[in-house]
């Protein structure tokens, strides 16, 4: 019986913590000064160059907030959201009608290429089919439901002052069945 009691005492002794947390550290942290950041965060209207999209970072010994550490497009998006501006135009596409060749659903893009997910007409009548529209091929038709989408390019217009060869890798747009359909059938 003595050996069982010794084992039980040994188990209880290892379960108790060796040191307990001191209350003095809590008081010091509570009394520490919490100063607001003195760094001026630029407004969206004040952003003029790429350097304006670099965050100030956090003070040493602190954890940075999103606005302090964000850079580039992420910072631009956060600044826009703070002012209520949807920088990347994330509104859903018009799903109240079927897009036709005469009246396609417009997809705005600031880049050379844009992806659009078609869920059919009426909405959610089929699984998402991703369509790729480019500046060279701005109109795409969904193979499932026939909805037509057209990319509206909003980016900077090409400057023909420079002699840039944009096709320097020999990329050729892949052929699709639409390339072989006679024009009178469109």
N, C-alpha and C. Protein backbone atom coordinates (compact mmCIF):
# COMPACT_ATOMS: atom_id res chain seq x y z
N UNK A 1 0.81 -1.19 0.00
CA UNK A 1 0.00 0.00 0.00
C UNK A 1 0.86 1.26 0.00
N UNK A 2 1.99 1.21 0.62
CA UNK A 2 2.89 2.35 0.66
C UNK A 2 3.40 2.69 -0.73
N UNK A 3 3.64 1.70 -1.56
CA UNK A 3 4.15 1.97 -2.90
C UNK A 3 3.09 2.65 -3.77
N UNK A 4 1.83 2.31 -3.59
CA UNK A 4 0.77 2.97 -4.36
C UNK A 4 0.63 4.43 -3.95
N UNK A 5 0.75 4.74 -2.73
CA UNK A 5 0.64 6.11 -2.25
C UNK A 5 1.80 6.95 -2.77
N UNK A 6 2.99 6.40 -2.81
CA UNK A 6 4.15 7.13 -3.33
C UNK A 6 3.98 7.44 -4.81
N UNK A 7 3.43 6.52 -5.57
CA UNK A 7 3.20 6.75 -7.01
C UNK A 7 2.15 7.84 -7.20
N UNK A 8 1.09 7.83 -6.39
CA UNK A 8 0.05 8.84 -6.50
C UNK A 8 0.58 10.22 -6.16
N UNK A 9 1.42 10.32 -5.15
CA UNK A 9 2.01 11.61 -4.76
C UNK A 9 2.92 12.11 -5.88
N UNK A 10 3.68 11.23 -6.50
CA UNK A 10 4.58 11.62 -7.58
C UNK A 10 3.80 12.16 -8.78
N UNK A 11 2.66 11.57 -9.09
CA UNK A 11 1.85 12.04 -10.21
C UNK A 11 1.28 13.43 -9.93
N UNK A 12 0.81 13.65 -8.72
CA UNK A 12 0.27 14.96 -8.36
C UNK A 12 1.34 16.04 -8.38
N UNK A 13 2.52 15.70 -7.99
CA UNK A 13 3.61 16.68 -7.93
C UNK A 13 4.01 17.14 -9.33
N UNK A 14 4.00 16.26 -10.33
CA UNK A 14 4.39 16.66 -11.68
C UNK A 14 3.30 17.45 -12.38
N UNK A 15 2.06 17.31 -11.95
CA UNK A 15 0.96 18.03 -12.59
C UNK A 15 0.90 19.49 -12.16
N UNK A 16 1.40 19.85 -10.99
CA UNK A 16 1.35 21.23 -10.51
C UNK A 16 2.42 22.05 -11.22
N UNK A 17 2.12 23.27 -11.62
CA UNK A 17 3.12 24.10 -12.29
C UNK A 17 4.24 24.51 -11.33
N UNK A 18 5.45 24.59 -11.86
CA UNK A 18 6.61 24.95 -11.05
C UNK A 18 6.56 26.43 -10.68
N UNK A 19 6.18 27.31 -11.64
CA UNK A 19 6.08 28.74 -11.38
C UNK A 19 4.70 29.23 -11.77
N UNK A 20 4.21 30.11 -11.00
CA UNK A 20 2.93 30.72 -11.35
C UNK A 20 3.20 32.11 -11.92
N UNK A 21 2.29 32.60 -12.75
CA UNK A 21 2.48 33.88 -13.41
C UNK A 21 2.45 35.01 -12.39
N UNK A 22 3.37 35.91 -12.52
CA UNK A 22 3.45 37.05 -11.62
C UNK A 22 2.45 38.12 -12.04
N UNK A 23 1.80 38.73 -11.08
CA UNK A 23 0.81 39.78 -11.36
C UNK A 23 1.51 41.08 -11.73
N UNK A 24 2.75 41.26 -11.35
CA UNK A 24 3.47 42.50 -11.63
C UNK A 24 3.60 42.77 -13.13
N UNK A 25 3.77 41.73 -13.94
CA UNK A 25 3.90 41.95 -15.39
C UNK A 25 2.60 42.45 -15.99
N UNK A 26 1.48 42.01 -15.48
CA UNK A 26 0.19 42.45 -15.98
C UNK A 26 -0.01 43.93 -15.69
N UNK A 27 0.38 44.37 -14.51
CA UNK A 27 0.23 45.77 -14.13
C UNK A 27 1.11 46.64 -15.02
N UNK A 28 2.33 46.20 -15.31
CA UNK A 28 3.23 46.99 -16.16
C UNK A 28 2.65 47.13 -17.56
N UNK A 29 2.11 46.07 -18.12
CA UNK A 29 1.53 46.14 -19.47
C UNK A 29 0.28 47.02 -19.49
N UNK A 30 -0.52 46.96 -18.46
CA UNK A 30 -1.72 47.76 -18.43
C UNK A 30 -1.39 49.24 -18.34
N UNK A 31 -0.34 49.60 -17.60
CA UNK A 31 0.03 50.99 -17.42
C UNK A 31 0.87 51.55 -18.56
N UNK A 32 1.29 50.70 -19.51
CA UNK A 32 2.10 51.19 -20.62
C UNK A 32 1.28 52.16 -21.47
N UNK A 33 1.95 53.15 -22.03
CA UNK A 33 1.25 54.15 -22.83
C UNK A 33 0.88 53.57 -24.18
N UNK A 34 -0.35 53.79 -24.61
CA UNK A 34 -0.80 53.38 -25.94
C UNK A 34 -0.98 54.65 -26.77
N UNK A 35 0.05 54.97 -27.52
CA UNK A 35 -0.03 56.17 -28.36
C UNK A 35 -0.53 55.79 -29.73
N UNK A 36 -1.32 56.64 -30.31
CA UNK A 36 -1.79 56.42 -31.68
C UNK A 36 -0.61 56.61 -32.63
N UNK A 37 -0.60 55.91 -33.76
CA UNK A 37 0.50 56.07 -34.69
C UNK A 37 0.57 57.50 -35.22
N UNK A 38 1.76 58.03 -35.28
CA UNK A 38 1.95 59.40 -35.73
C UNK A 38 2.22 59.47 -37.22
N UNK A 39 2.31 58.32 -37.88
CA UNK A 39 2.57 58.29 -39.30
C UNK A 39 1.30 58.68 -40.06
N UNK A 40 1.45 59.58 -41.03
CA UNK A 40 0.31 60.01 -41.85
C UNK A 40 0.04 58.95 -42.91
N UNK A 41 -1.17 58.43 -42.91
CA UNK A 41 -1.57 57.46 -43.93
C UNK A 41 -2.24 58.23 -45.05
N UNK A 42 -1.70 58.11 -46.26
CA UNK A 42 -2.22 58.87 -47.39
C UNK A 42 -3.61 58.39 -47.77
N UNK A 43 -4.40 59.33 -48.24
CA UNK A 43 -5.73 59.01 -48.73
C UNK A 43 -5.60 58.51 -50.17
N UNK A 44 -6.65 57.91 -50.68
CA UNK A 44 -6.63 57.36 -52.03
C UNK A 44 -6.35 58.46 -53.06
N UNK A 45 -6.87 59.65 -52.83
CA UNK A 45 -6.66 60.75 -53.78
C UNK A 45 -5.22 61.27 -53.76
N UNK A 46 -4.47 60.95 -52.71
CA UNK A 46 -3.08 61.41 -52.60
C UNK A 46 -2.08 60.45 -53.24
N UNK A 47 -2.53 59.30 -53.69
CA UNK A 47 -1.64 58.31 -54.30
C UNK A 47 -1.34 58.76 -55.73
N UNK A 48 -0.06 59.02 -56.02
CA UNK A 48 0.33 59.47 -57.35
C UNK A 48 1.38 58.56 -58.00
N UNK A 49 2.26 57.94 -57.21
CA UNK A 49 3.33 57.11 -57.75
C UNK A 49 3.34 55.75 -57.06
N UNK A 50 4.18 54.85 -57.57
CA UNK A 50 4.31 53.52 -56.97
C UNK A 50 4.85 53.61 -55.54
N UNK A 51 5.69 54.58 -55.29
CA UNK A 51 6.28 54.74 -53.96
C UNK A 51 5.23 55.10 -52.91
N UNK A 52 4.12 55.70 -53.35
CA UNK A 52 3.04 56.03 -52.42
C UNK A 52 2.31 54.79 -51.94
N UNK A 53 2.52 53.65 -52.61
CA UNK A 53 1.84 52.41 -52.25
C UNK A 53 2.70 51.52 -51.36
N UNK A 54 3.70 52.10 -50.72
CA UNK A 54 4.53 51.35 -49.77
C UNK A 54 4.14 51.81 -48.37
N UNK A 55 3.77 50.85 -47.53
CA UNK A 55 3.32 51.17 -46.17
C UNK A 55 4.46 51.61 -45.27
N UNK A 56 4.13 52.30 -44.17
CA UNK A 56 5.17 52.78 -43.26
C UNK A 56 5.77 51.67 -42.41
N UNK A 57 5.08 50.54 -42.29
CA UNK A 57 5.56 49.47 -41.41
C UNK A 57 5.19 49.77 -39.97
N UNK A 58 5.46 48.82 -39.10
CA UNK A 58 5.11 48.97 -37.69
C UNK A 58 6.31 49.47 -36.90
N UNK A 59 6.02 50.04 -35.74
CA UNK A 59 7.10 50.44 -34.85
C UNK A 59 7.78 49.19 -34.32
N UNK A 60 9.06 49.27 -34.00
CA UNK A 60 9.76 48.09 -33.46
C UNK A 60 9.08 47.57 -32.20
N UNK A 61 8.92 46.27 -32.14
CA UNK A 61 8.32 45.63 -30.99
C UNK A 61 6.80 45.55 -31.03
N UNK A 62 6.19 46.00 -32.14
CA UNK A 62 4.74 45.93 -32.26
C UNK A 62 4.35 45.06 -33.45
N UNK A 63 3.11 44.64 -33.46
CA UNK A 63 2.59 43.85 -34.58
C UNK A 63 1.92 44.82 -35.55
N UNK A 64 2.29 44.78 -36.83
CA UNK A 64 1.72 45.75 -37.77
C UNK A 64 0.27 45.44 -38.10
N UNK A 65 -0.48 46.49 -38.37
CA UNK A 65 -1.84 46.34 -38.85
C UNK A 65 -1.80 46.12 -40.36
N UNK A 66 -2.94 45.81 -40.94
CA UNK A 66 -2.98 45.60 -42.38
C UNK A 66 -2.56 46.86 -43.14
N UNK A 67 -3.03 48.01 -42.72
CA UNK A 67 -2.71 49.24 -43.43
C UNK A 67 -1.23 49.61 -43.27
N UNK A 68 -0.60 49.21 -42.17
CA UNK A 68 0.81 49.52 -41.97
C UNK A 68 1.72 48.64 -42.81
N UNK A 69 1.34 47.39 -43.04
CA UNK A 69 2.24 46.49 -43.74
C UNK A 69 1.88 46.25 -45.20
N UNK A 70 0.68 46.63 -45.64
CA UNK A 70 0.26 46.36 -47.01
C UNK A 70 1.04 47.23 -48.00
N UNK A 71 1.35 46.66 -49.15
CA UNK A 71 2.03 47.40 -50.21
C UNK A 71 1.36 47.08 -51.55
N UNK A 72 1.63 47.92 -52.53
CA UNK A 72 1.17 47.66 -53.89
C UNK A 72 -0.33 47.67 -54.04
N UNK A 73 -0.82 46.71 -54.84
CA UNK A 73 -2.26 46.64 -55.13
C UNK A 73 -3.09 46.36 -53.89
N UNK A 74 -2.53 45.58 -52.95
CA UNK A 74 -3.26 45.30 -51.72
C UNK A 74 -3.49 46.60 -50.94
N UNK A 75 -2.48 47.46 -50.87
CA UNK A 75 -2.61 48.74 -50.17
C UNK A 75 -3.62 49.63 -50.88
N UNK A 76 -3.58 49.64 -52.21
CA UNK A 76 -4.54 50.43 -52.99
C UNK A 76 -5.96 49.97 -52.71
N UNK A 77 -6.16 48.66 -52.64
CA UNK A 77 -7.49 48.12 -52.36
C UNK A 77 -7.96 48.50 -50.95
N UNK A 78 -7.07 48.40 -49.96
CA UNK A 78 -7.44 48.75 -48.57
C UNK A 78 -7.77 50.23 -48.46
N UNK A 79 -6.96 51.10 -49.08
CA UNK A 79 -7.24 52.53 -49.04
C UNK A 79 -8.58 52.84 -49.71
N UNK A 80 -8.86 52.16 -50.80
CA UNK A 80 -10.14 52.35 -51.47
C UNK A 80 -11.31 51.92 -50.61
N UNK A 81 -11.18 50.76 -49.94
CA UNK A 81 -12.26 50.28 -49.07
C UNK A 81 -12.49 51.21 -47.90
N UNK A 82 -11.41 51.83 -47.39
CA UNK A 82 -11.55 52.77 -46.28
C UNK A 82 -12.38 53.99 -46.68
N UNK A 83 -12.33 54.34 -47.98
CA UNK A 83 -13.08 55.50 -48.47
C UNK A 83 -14.36 55.11 -49.19
N UNK A 84 -14.67 53.80 -49.20
CA UNK A 84 -15.90 53.35 -49.83
C UNK A 84 -15.83 53.21 -51.34
N UNK A 85 -14.61 53.09 -51.89
CA UNK A 85 -14.42 52.95 -53.34
C UNK A 85 -14.05 51.51 -53.65
N UNK A 86 -14.76 50.91 -54.60
CA UNK A 86 -14.46 49.55 -55.04
C UNK A 86 -13.43 49.65 -56.17
N UNK A 87 -12.15 49.59 -55.82
CA UNK A 87 -11.07 49.81 -56.76
C UNK A 87 -11.09 48.80 -57.91
N UNK A 88 -11.38 47.55 -57.63
CA UNK A 88 -11.31 46.50 -58.64
C UNK A 88 -12.67 46.15 -59.25
N UNK A 89 -13.71 46.94 -58.98
CA UNK A 89 -15.04 46.75 -59.56
C UNK A 89 -15.48 45.29 -59.45
N UNK A 90 -15.70 44.84 -58.23
CA UNK A 90 -16.02 43.44 -57.95
C UNK A 90 -17.53 43.16 -57.97
N UNK A 91 -18.31 44.05 -58.58
CA UNK A 91 -19.75 43.81 -58.66
C UNK A 91 -20.01 42.61 -59.57
N UNK A 92 -21.04 41.82 -59.28
CA UNK A 92 -21.36 40.70 -60.17
C UNK A 92 -21.86 41.21 -61.52
N UNK A 93 -21.69 40.37 -62.54
CA UNK A 93 -22.15 40.74 -63.87
C UNK A 93 -23.68 40.72 -63.92
N UNK A 94 -24.23 41.36 -64.94
CA UNK A 94 -25.67 41.42 -65.12
C UNK A 94 -26.19 40.03 -65.47
N UNK A 95 -27.00 39.44 -64.58
CA UNK A 95 -27.55 38.11 -64.81
C UNK A 95 -29.06 38.18 -64.99
N UNK A 96 -29.59 39.38 -65.23
CA UNK A 96 -31.04 39.54 -65.37
C UNK A 96 -31.51 39.26 -66.80
N UNK A 97 -30.59 39.07 -67.72
CA UNK A 97 -30.95 38.86 -69.12
C UNK A 97 -29.95 37.92 -69.77
N UNK A 98 -30.32 37.43 -70.95
CA UNK A 98 -29.41 36.59 -71.73
C UNK A 98 -28.61 37.50 -72.66
N UNK A 99 -27.30 37.29 -72.68
CA UNK A 99 -26.45 38.05 -73.58
C UNK A 99 -26.55 37.49 -75.00
N UNK A 100 -26.71 38.38 -75.97
CA UNK A 100 -26.78 37.97 -77.37
C UNK A 100 -25.66 38.65 -78.14
N UNK A 101 -25.48 38.26 -79.40
CA UNK A 101 -24.44 38.90 -80.22
C UNK A 101 -24.78 40.38 -80.43
N UNK A 102 -26.07 40.72 -80.52
CA UNK A 102 -26.48 42.10 -80.72
C UNK A 102 -26.40 42.91 -79.42
N UNK A 103 -26.63 42.25 -78.30
CA UNK A 103 -26.64 42.92 -77.00
C UNK A 103 -25.92 42.04 -75.97
N UNK A 104 -24.55 41.97 -76.05
CA UNK A 104 -23.82 41.09 -75.14
C UNK A 104 -23.75 41.66 -73.72
N UNK A 105 -23.43 40.79 -72.77
CA UNK A 105 -23.21 41.22 -71.38
C UNK A 105 -21.81 41.82 -71.33
N UNK A 106 -21.73 43.05 -70.87
CA UNK A 106 -20.46 43.78 -70.86
C UNK A 106 -19.61 43.40 -69.64
N UNK A 107 -18.33 43.13 -69.90
CA UNK A 107 -17.36 42.81 -68.86
C UNK A 107 -16.25 43.84 -68.95
N UNK A 108 -16.09 44.65 -67.92
CA UNK A 108 -15.07 45.70 -67.94
C UNK A 108 -13.72 45.14 -67.53
N UNK A 109 -12.65 45.62 -68.18
CA UNK A 109 -11.31 45.13 -67.87
C UNK A 109 -10.29 46.23 -68.09
N UNK A 110 -9.32 46.30 -67.18
CA UNK A 110 -8.21 47.24 -67.34
C UNK A 110 -6.98 46.53 -67.88
N UNK A 111 -7.05 45.22 -68.06
CA UNK A 111 -5.92 44.45 -68.57
C UNK A 111 -6.20 43.91 -69.95
N UNK A 112 -5.22 43.22 -70.50
CA UNK A 112 -5.34 42.66 -71.84
C UNK A 112 -6.21 41.40 -71.87
N UNK A 113 -6.46 40.83 -70.71
CA UNK A 113 -7.20 39.58 -70.63
C UNK A 113 -8.14 39.63 -69.44
N UNK A 114 -9.33 39.04 -69.59
CA UNK A 114 -10.30 39.03 -68.50
C UNK A 114 -11.03 37.70 -68.49
N UNK A 115 -11.25 37.17 -67.29
CA UNK A 115 -12.00 35.92 -67.13
C UNK A 115 -13.39 36.25 -66.60
N UNK A 116 -14.38 35.53 -67.11
CA UNK A 116 -15.75 35.69 -66.64
C UNK A 116 -16.33 34.31 -66.42
N UNK A 117 -17.03 34.14 -65.31
CA UNK A 117 -17.66 32.87 -65.01
C UNK A 117 -19.14 32.92 -65.35
N UNK A 118 -19.58 32.05 -66.24
CA UNK A 118 -20.98 32.00 -66.64
C UNK A 118 -21.67 30.91 -65.85
N UNK A 119 -22.80 31.26 -65.23
CA UNK A 119 -23.61 30.27 -64.50
C UNK A 119 -24.93 30.02 -65.20
N UNK A 120 -25.08 30.58 -66.40
CA UNK A 120 -26.26 30.31 -67.20
C UNK A 120 -27.34 31.36 -67.07
N UNK A 121 -28.37 31.17 -67.88
CA UNK A 121 -29.56 32.01 -67.80
C UNK A 121 -30.77 31.10 -67.82
N UNK A 122 -31.65 31.18 -66.86
CA UNK A 122 -31.58 32.00 -65.66
C UNK A 122 -30.38 31.63 -64.79
N UNK A 123 -30.03 32.53 -63.90
CA UNK A 123 -28.82 32.37 -63.09
C UNK A 123 -28.81 31.02 -62.37
N UNK A 124 -27.64 30.44 -62.28
CA UNK A 124 -27.40 29.15 -61.62
C UNK A 124 -28.10 27.98 -62.31
N UNK A 125 -28.28 28.06 -63.62
CA UNK A 125 -28.91 26.95 -64.33
C UNK A 125 -27.88 25.90 -64.76
N UNK A 126 -26.59 26.22 -64.66
CA UNK A 126 -25.54 25.21 -64.88
C UNK A 126 -24.32 25.58 -64.04
N UNK A 127 -23.37 24.65 -63.96
CA UNK A 127 -22.14 24.91 -63.20
C UNK A 127 -21.36 26.04 -63.85
N UNK A 128 -20.45 26.63 -63.10
CA UNK A 128 -19.67 27.76 -63.61
C UNK A 128 -18.77 27.28 -64.74
N UNK A 129 -18.83 28.01 -65.85
CA UNK A 129 -17.92 27.77 -66.97
C UNK A 129 -17.14 29.07 -67.15
N UNK A 130 -15.81 28.96 -67.07
CA UNK A 130 -14.96 30.13 -67.14
C UNK A 130 -14.62 30.43 -68.58
N UNK A 131 -14.84 31.67 -68.98
CA UNK A 131 -14.58 32.12 -70.34
C UNK A 131 -13.44 33.13 -70.30
N UNK A 132 -12.57 33.09 -71.30
CA UNK A 132 -11.43 34.00 -71.38
C UNK A 132 -11.63 34.96 -72.54
N UNK A 133 -11.64 36.26 -72.24
CA UNK A 133 -11.74 37.27 -73.27
C UNK A 133 -10.44 38.05 -73.33
N UNK A 134 -9.99 38.39 -74.51
CA UNK A 134 -8.76 39.16 -74.69
C UNK A 134 -9.07 40.38 -75.54
N UNK A 135 -8.10 41.26 -75.66
CA UNK A 135 -8.29 42.44 -76.50
C UNK A 135 -8.40 42.03 -77.97
N UNK A 136 -7.69 40.97 -78.34
CA UNK A 136 -7.76 40.50 -79.72
C UNK A 136 -9.06 39.74 -79.98
N UNK A 137 -9.61 39.11 -78.95
CA UNK A 137 -10.84 38.32 -79.08
C UNK A 137 -11.78 38.73 -77.93
N UNK A 138 -12.45 39.89 -78.07
CA UNK A 138 -13.23 40.42 -76.94
C UNK A 138 -14.58 39.76 -76.71
N UNK A 139 -15.07 38.97 -77.66
CA UNK A 139 -16.40 38.37 -77.51
C UNK A 139 -16.25 36.87 -77.30
N UNK A 140 -16.95 36.34 -76.29
CA UNK A 140 -16.97 34.90 -76.02
C UNK A 140 -18.41 34.46 -75.78
N UNK A 141 -18.69 33.25 -76.20
CA UNK A 141 -20.03 32.67 -76.03
C UNK A 141 -19.90 31.44 -75.13
N UNK A 142 -20.80 31.31 -74.16
CA UNK A 142 -20.80 30.16 -73.27
C UNK A 142 -21.25 28.92 -74.06
N UNK A 143 -20.49 27.85 -74.02
CA UNK A 143 -20.87 26.66 -74.78
C UNK A 143 -22.07 25.92 -74.18
N UNK A 144 -22.41 26.19 -72.92
CA UNK A 144 -23.51 25.49 -72.26
C UNK A 144 -24.87 26.15 -72.52
N UNK A 145 -24.94 27.47 -72.31
CA UNK A 145 -26.24 28.15 -72.41
C UNK A 145 -26.31 29.14 -73.56
N UNK A 146 -25.19 29.50 -74.17
CA UNK A 146 -25.20 30.42 -75.30
C UNK A 146 -25.10 31.88 -74.94
N UNK A 147 -24.95 32.21 -73.65
CA UNK A 147 -24.78 33.61 -73.25
C UNK A 147 -23.55 34.19 -73.93
N UNK A 148 -23.64 35.45 -74.37
CA UNK A 148 -22.53 36.12 -75.04
C UNK A 148 -22.00 37.21 -74.12
N UNK A 149 -20.68 37.24 -73.96
CA UNK A 149 -20.00 38.23 -73.12
C UNK A 149 -19.02 39.00 -73.99
N UNK A 150 -18.91 40.30 -73.72
CA UNK A 150 -17.98 41.14 -74.48
C UNK A 150 -17.12 41.94 -73.51
N UNK A 151 -15.81 41.89 -73.72
CA UNK A 151 -14.88 42.63 -72.86
C UNK A 151 -14.81 44.08 -73.33
N UNK A 152 -15.01 44.99 -72.38
CA UNK A 152 -14.88 46.42 -72.63
C UNK A 152 -13.54 46.86 -72.01
N UNK A 153 -12.56 47.15 -72.86
CA UNK A 153 -11.22 47.49 -72.38
C UNK A 153 -11.20 48.93 -71.87
N UNK A 154 -10.76 49.11 -70.60
CA UNK A 154 -10.71 50.43 -69.98
C UNK A 154 -9.29 50.92 -69.72
N UNK A 155 -8.30 50.09 -70.01
CA UNK A 155 -6.92 50.43 -69.70
C UNK A 155 -6.34 51.46 -70.64
N UNK A 156 -5.05 51.74 -70.48
CA UNK A 156 -4.40 52.74 -71.34
C UNK A 156 -4.36 52.25 -72.79
N UNK A 157 -4.56 53.18 -73.69
CA UNK A 157 -4.50 52.84 -75.11
C UNK A 157 -3.05 52.64 -75.52
N UNK A 158 -2.84 51.75 -76.47
CA UNK A 158 -1.48 51.48 -76.94
C UNK A 158 -0.90 52.70 -77.61
N UNK A 159 0.36 52.98 -77.28
CA UNK A 159 1.08 54.05 -77.92
C UNK A 159 1.87 53.44 -79.07
N UNK A 160 1.65 53.95 -80.25
CA UNK A 160 2.34 53.41 -81.42
C UNK A 160 3.65 54.15 -81.68
N UNK A 161 4.10 54.94 -80.70
CA UNK A 161 5.36 55.67 -80.84
C UNK A 161 6.55 54.73 -80.75
N UNK A 162 6.43 53.66 -80.00
CA UNK A 162 7.54 52.74 -79.79
C UNK A 162 7.36 51.52 -80.67
N UNK A 163 8.47 50.92 -81.03
CA UNK A 163 8.41 49.73 -81.87
C UNK A 163 8.58 48.50 -80.99
N UNK A 164 7.54 48.17 -80.24
CA UNK A 164 7.57 47.01 -79.36
C UNK A 164 6.95 45.83 -80.08
N UNK A 165 7.62 44.70 -80.00
CA UNK A 165 7.06 43.49 -80.57
C UNK A 165 6.37 42.73 -79.45
N UNK A 166 5.04 42.87 -79.33
CA UNK A 166 4.30 42.24 -78.25
C UNK A 166 4.18 40.74 -78.42
N UNK A 167 4.44 40.24 -79.62
CA UNK A 167 4.33 38.81 -79.88
C UNK A 167 5.73 38.20 -79.95
N UNK A 168 6.57 38.53 -78.97
CA UNK A 168 7.96 38.10 -79.05
C UNK A 168 8.17 36.64 -78.66
N UNK A 169 7.16 35.98 -78.11
CA UNK A 169 7.30 34.56 -77.77
C UNK A 169 6.66 33.66 -78.82
N UNK A 170 6.11 34.24 -79.86
CA UNK A 170 5.48 33.45 -80.90
C UNK A 170 4.13 32.88 -80.47
N UNK A 171 3.46 33.51 -79.51
CA UNK A 171 2.16 33.02 -79.05
C UNK A 171 1.12 33.24 -80.13
N UNK A 172 0.36 32.22 -80.39
CA UNK A 172 -0.74 32.32 -81.33
C UNK A 172 -2.01 31.90 -80.62
N UNK A 173 -3.06 32.68 -80.81
CA UNK A 173 -4.34 32.37 -80.19
C UNK A 173 -4.80 30.99 -80.66
N UNK A 174 -5.17 30.10 -79.72
CA UNK A 174 -5.58 28.76 -80.13
C UNK A 174 -6.86 28.79 -80.97
N UNK A 175 -6.94 27.87 -81.89
CA UNK A 175 -8.11 27.76 -82.75
C UNK A 175 -9.26 27.12 -81.97
N UNK A 176 -10.46 27.61 -82.20
CA UNK A 176 -11.65 27.01 -81.62
C UNK A 176 -12.61 26.68 -82.75
N UNK A 177 -13.69 26.02 -82.41
CA UNK A 177 -14.67 25.66 -83.42
C UNK A 177 -15.25 26.92 -84.09
N UNK A 178 -15.30 28.02 -83.33
CA UNK A 178 -15.85 29.26 -83.88
C UNK A 178 -15.02 29.79 -85.04
N UNK A 179 -13.74 29.44 -85.09
CA UNK A 179 -12.89 29.90 -86.19
C UNK A 179 -13.24 29.22 -87.51
N UNK A 180 -13.92 28.10 -87.47
CA UNK A 180 -14.22 27.34 -88.67
C UNK A 180 -15.68 27.45 -89.10
N UNK A 181 -16.50 28.17 -88.33
CA UNK A 181 -17.90 28.35 -88.69
C UNK A 181 -18.01 29.46 -89.74
N UNK A 182 -18.80 29.22 -90.76
CA UNK A 182 -18.97 30.22 -91.81
C UNK A 182 -19.62 31.47 -91.24
N UNK A 183 -19.21 32.66 -91.70
CA UNK A 183 -19.75 33.92 -91.15
C UNK A 183 -21.26 34.05 -91.27
N UNK A 184 -21.86 33.46 -92.31
CA UNK A 184 -23.31 33.60 -92.47
C UNK A 184 -24.08 32.88 -91.38
N UNK A 185 -23.44 31.96 -90.65
CA UNK A 185 -24.11 31.26 -89.57
C UNK A 185 -24.04 32.01 -88.24
N UNK A 186 -23.25 33.05 -88.19
CA UNK A 186 -23.16 33.83 -86.95
C UNK A 186 -24.40 34.67 -86.90
